[in-house]
Amino acid sequence: MATGYQTVTVRSAQPGSLDRKNIPVTNYVNYTWANVSIQPVKVHETVSNVDYEINKYHCIGPANAVGLAIKTTDQIVDSNNLVYRIIGNKILPKFNGTPHHVELMIEVPSAIEQSDSSG
C-alpha cells in the first residue's frame, strides 16, 4: 500500500452482456484519478478455520469528473497495483455548495481477486 498523494486508476463497472448461464458480466473501464491520498484506518480480523483479514482505508481526492462519477460498484487500483473495493463515498462541498473533494472508504479483504487488474 502506498500512502501520500498518488495517481490511481478507477475501474468503473459497466454492465456487460450475459454469459452462457444468463448472468450479467461486469466490464471495467479504467480512468485515471490524480492527486489522491490513501491512508490506513483499521484492520479487522476474523479468526476461524480460515484466517480472514480486512484492511480499511480512507481515500481523499479532488472533485473532478472522475471523482464525482465514482460509485460503490467501482474499484480503485493504486500505484502498486493493489485493488481496493469501495464501500462508501461522500462528496464534500465548499461553503458556496460546489463540490470541494471526494472521500471514499475502501477496503482490501484478504480474499479479493488480485489477479484480474487488467480491466
Protein backbone atom coordinates (compact mmCIF):
# COMPACT_ATOMS: atom_id res chain seq x y z
CA MET A 1 0.00 0.00 0.00
CA ALA A 2 1.36 3.39 -0.99
CA THR A 3 0.44 6.35 1.21
CA GLY A 4 0.57 10.01 0.31
CA TYR A 5 -0.54 11.69 -2.88
CA GLN A 6 -0.52 9.47 -5.93
CA THR A 7 -2.29 8.81 -9.21
CA VAL A 8 -4.70 5.88 -9.02
CA THR A 9 -6.80 4.03 -11.55
CA VAL A 10 -10.56 3.94 -11.07
CA ARG A 11 -12.03 0.77 -12.56
CA SER A 12 -15.59 1.84 -13.34
CA ALA A 13 -18.06 -1.04 -13.50
CA GLN A 14 -20.12 -1.08 -16.69
CA PRO A 15 -22.92 -3.52 -17.45
CA GLY A 16 -21.91 -6.10 -19.99
CA SER A 17 -23.52 -8.89 -21.93
CA LEU A 18 -24.90 -12.10 -20.47
CA ASP A 19 -22.71 -15.17 -20.11
CA ARG A 20 -23.77 -18.68 -21.10
CA LYS A 21 -25.76 -19.02 -17.85
CA ASN A 22 -27.58 -15.68 -18.42
CA ILE A 23 -25.64 -13.98 -15.64
CA PRO A 24 -24.62 -10.36 -16.40
CA VAL A 25 -20.89 -9.96 -16.92
CA THR A 26 -19.31 -6.84 -15.43
CA ASN A 27 -16.89 -4.99 -17.69
CA TYR A 28 -14.49 -2.40 -16.30
CA VAL A 29 -13.41 0.87 -17.91
CA ASN A 30 -10.23 2.43 -16.49
CA TYR A 31 -9.98 6.13 -15.62
CA THR A 32 -7.01 7.98 -14.13
CA TRP A 33 -7.60 9.98 -10.91
CA ALA A 34 -4.65 12.19 -9.86
CA ASN A 35 -3.71 13.78 -6.51
CA VAL A 36 -5.37 11.09 -4.40
CA SER A 37 -4.37 10.34 -0.81
CA ILE A 38 -4.88 6.85 0.68
CA GLN A 39 -4.45 6.48 4.45
CA PRO A 40 -4.96 3.37 6.63
CA VAL A 41 -7.89 3.39 9.06
CA LYS A 42 -8.10 -0.03 10.74
CA VAL A 43 -7.64 -3.76 10.36
CA HIS A 44 -10.35 -6.26 11.23
CA GLU A 45 -9.50 -9.95 11.58
CA THR A 46 -11.84 -12.91 11.79
CA VAL A 47 -10.34 -16.00 13.38
CA SER A 48 -11.93 -19.24 12.30
CA ASN A 49 -10.79 -22.25 10.33
CA VAL A 50 -9.79 -19.72 7.62
CA ASP A 51 -7.84 -16.57 8.52
CA TYR A 52 -9.59 -13.56 7.02
CA GLU A 53 -8.37 -10.00 7.29
CA ILE A 54 -9.98 -6.77 6.11
CA ASN A 55 -7.79 -3.67 5.80
CA LYS A 56 -9.82 -0.44 5.64
CA TYR A 57 -8.52 2.80 4.18
CA HIS A 58 -9.65 6.41 3.82
CA CYS A 59 -9.21 7.81 0.30
CA ILE A 60 -9.44 11.54 -0.42
CA GLY A 61 -9.28 13.01 -3.92
CA PRO A 62 -10.30 16.05 -5.95
CA ALA A 63 -13.90 16.57 -7.04
CA ASN A 64 -13.20 16.42 -10.76
CA ALA A 65 -15.19 14.48 -13.37
CA VAL A 66 -13.64 11.13 -12.37
CA GLY A 67 -14.04 11.68 -8.62
CA LEU A 68 -17.67 12.77 -8.89
CA ALA A 69 -18.58 9.73 -11.01
CA ILE A 70 -17.25 7.09 -8.58
CA LYS A 71 -19.81 4.50 -7.45
CA THR A 72 -19.62 1.76 -4.83
CA THR A 73 -19.51 -0.85 -7.60
CA ASP A 74 -16.19 0.57 -8.85
CA GLN A 75 -12.67 -0.36 -7.75
CA ILE A 76 -9.53 1.63 -7.01
CA VAL A 77 -6.10 0.40 -8.14
CA ASP A 78 -3.16 2.21 -6.51
CA SER A 79 0.36 2.74 -7.86
CA ASN A 80 1.43 -0.69 -6.51
CA ASN A 81 -1.43 -2.43 -8.40
CA LEU A 82 -3.30 -3.21 -5.18
CA VAL A 83 -7.05 -3.44 -5.83
CA TYR A 84 -9.40 -1.78 -3.32
CA ARG A 85 -13.16 -2.28 -3.07
CA ILE A 86 -15.20 0.88 -2.45
CA ILE A 87 -17.60 0.53 0.48
CA GLY A 88 -18.74 4.15 0.80
CA ASN A 89 -18.39 7.51 -0.90
CA LYS A 90 -19.19 11.08 0.07
CA ILE A 91 -18.83 14.36 -1.83
CA LEU A 92 -17.93 17.26 0.47
CA PRO A 93 -18.93 20.76 -0.68
CA LYS A 94 -17.34 24.18 -0.30
CA PHE A 95 -19.23 26.89 1.59
CA ASN A 96 -20.97 28.00 -1.63
CA GLY A 97 -22.24 24.46 -2.31
CA THR A 98 -19.90 23.45 -5.14
CA PRO A 99 -18.05 20.14 -4.66
CA HIS A 100 -14.65 20.51 -2.97
CA HIS A 101 -13.35 16.93 -2.64
CA VAL A 102 -14.45 13.30 -2.60
CA GLU A 103 -13.97 10.97 0.37
CA LEU A 104 -14.10 7.20 -0.03
CA MET A 105 -13.99 4.34 2.43
CA ILE A 106 -12.17 1.50 0.72
CA GLU A 107 -11.08 -1.94 1.84
CA VAL A 108 -8.86 -4.81 0.80
CA PRO A 109 -10.23 -8.14 2.00
CA SER A 110 -7.57 -10.84 2.03
CA ALA A 111 -9.72 -12.97 -0.28
CA ILE A 112 -10.22 -10.32 -3.00
CA GLU A 113 -9.28 -11.33 -6.53
CA GLN A 114 -5.92 -9.63 -7.14
CA SER A 115 -5.01 -11.28 -10.44
CA ASP A 116 -7.54 -9.53 -12.73
CA SER A 117 -6.40 -5.90 -12.63
CA SER A 118 -6.08 -5.51 -16.39
CA GLY A 119 -9.64 -4.30 -16.93
